[in-house]
C-alpha atoms as a PDB file:
ATOM      1  CA  MET A   1     -13.339   3.139 -23.921  1.00  0.00           C
ATOM      2  CA  ASN A   2     -10.802   4.424 -21.458  1.00  0.00           C
ATOM      3  CA  ARG A   3     -11.214   8.176 -21.181  1.00  0.00           C
ATOM      4  CA  SER A   4      -8.853   9.629 -18.642  1.00  0.00           C
ATOM      5  CA  LYS A   5      -9.493  13.016 -17.163  1.00  0.00           C
ATOM      6  CA  GLN A   6      -6.629  15.422 -16.763  1.00  0.00           C
ATOM      7  CA  ILE A   7      -6.170  16.430 -13.142  1.00  0.00           C
ATOM      8  CA  ILE A   8      -5.348  20.081 -12.630  1.00  0.00           C
ATOM      9  CA  LEU A   9      -4.243  21.330  -9.218  1.00  0.00           C
ATOM     10  CA  ASN A  10      -4.107  24.875  -7.963  1.00  0.00           C
ATOM     11  CA  ASP A  11      -0.891  25.989  -6.273  1.00  0.00           C
ATOM     12  CA  GLU A  12      -2.687  25.917  -2.904  1.00  0.00           C
ATOM     13  CA  GLU A  13      -3.429  22.194  -3.387  1.00  0.00           C
ATOM     14  CA  ARG A  14       0.175  21.221  -4.131  1.00  0.00           C
ATOM     15  CA  GLN A  15       2.683  20.014  -1.573  1.00  0.00           C
ATOM     16  CA  PRO A  16       6.466  19.738  -1.876  1.00  0.00           C
ATOM     17  CA  CYS A  17       7.943  16.345  -2.652  1.00  0.00           C
ATOM     18  CA  GLU A  18      10.820  15.401  -0.389  1.00  0.00           C
ATOM     19  CA  ILE A  19      13.656  13.466  -2.046  1.00  0.00           C
ATOM     20  CA  TRP A  20      15.587  10.952   0.065  1.00  0.00           C
ATOM     21  CA  THR A  21      18.858   9.275  -0.862  1.00  0.00           C
ATOM     22  CA  ARG A  22      21.267   6.856   0.740  1.00  0.00           C
ATOM     23  CA  VAL A  23      24.495   8.332   2.111  1.00  0.00           C
ATOM     24  CA  MET A  24      27.041   6.248   4.020  1.00  0.00           C
ATOM     25  CA  GLY A  25      24.479   3.480   4.565  1.00  0.00           C
ATOM     26  CA  TYR A  26      21.700   5.732   5.879  1.00  0.00           C
ATOM     27  CA  TYR A  27      18.730   7.288   4.099  1.00  0.00           C
ATOM     28  CA  ARG A  28      18.480  11.052   4.536  1.00  0.00           C
ATOM     29  CA  PRO A  29      16.391  13.793   2.942  1.00  0.00           C
ATOM     30  CA  ILE A  30      18.292  16.015   0.530  1.00  0.00           C
ATOM     31  CA  SER A  31      16.794  19.062   2.227  1.00  0.00           C
ATOM     32  CA  LEU A  32      19.115  18.411   5.203  1.00  0.00           C
ATOM     33  CA  PHE A  33      22.294  18.327   3.061  1.00  0.00           C
ATOM     34  CA  ASN A  34      24.788  21.179   3.164  1.00  0.00           C
ATOM     35  CA  ILE A  35      25.500  23.086  -0.078  1.00  0.00           C
ATOM     36  CA  GLY A  36      28.484  20.890  -0.993  1.00  0.00           C
ATOM     37  CA  LYS A  37      26.621  17.609  -0.537  1.00  0.00           C
ATOM     38  CA  LYS A  38      23.651  18.953  -2.541  1.00  0.00           C
ATOM     39  CA  GLY A  39      26.041  19.802  -5.377  1.00  0.00           C
ATOM     40  CA  GLU A  40      27.497  16.282  -5.294  1.00  0.00           C
ATOM     41  CA  PHE A  41      24.012  14.766  -5.383  1.00  0.00           C
ATOM     42  CA  TYR A  42      22.924  16.749  -8.453  1.00  0.00           C
ATOM     43  CA  GLU A  43      26.158  15.848 -10.313  1.00  0.00           C
ATOM     44  CA  ARG A  44      25.629  12.089  -9.869  1.00  0.00           C
ATOM     45  CA  CYS A  45      25.324   9.857 -12.916  1.00  0.00           C
ATOM     46  CA  PHE A  46      22.900   6.971 -12.684  1.00  0.00           C
ATOM     47  CA  PHE A  47      23.943   3.508 -13.836  1.00  0.00           C
ATOM     48  CA  THR A  48      21.956   1.771 -16.538  1.00  0.00           C
ATOM     49  CA  GLU A  49      22.832  -1.745 -17.560  1.00  0.00           C
ATOM     50  CA  SER A  50      22.026  -1.171 -21.232  1.00  0.00           C
ATOM     51  CA  ALA A  51      24.505   1.740 -21.412  1.00  0.00           C
ATOM     52  CA  ALA A  52      27.222  -0.392 -19.798  1.00  0.00           C
ATOM     53  CA  LYS A  53      27.011  -3.365 -22.188  1.00  0.00           C
ATOM     54  CA  LEU A  54      30.191  -4.187 -24.048  1.00  0.00           C
ATOM     55  CA  GLN A  55      29.955  -4.166 -27.820  1.00  0.00           C
END
């Protein structure tokens, strides 16, 4: 039997996750974006092939 334990972390044990994205051919962390570029990033729509199929 596969019994998985739930892992619970205290806030002191957590660390922030840095998100990187490609802009103009270079990968950069979102934390370095200005307020306008951050807004553009969060408004992006992600492409999925199944949603783009013609009927």
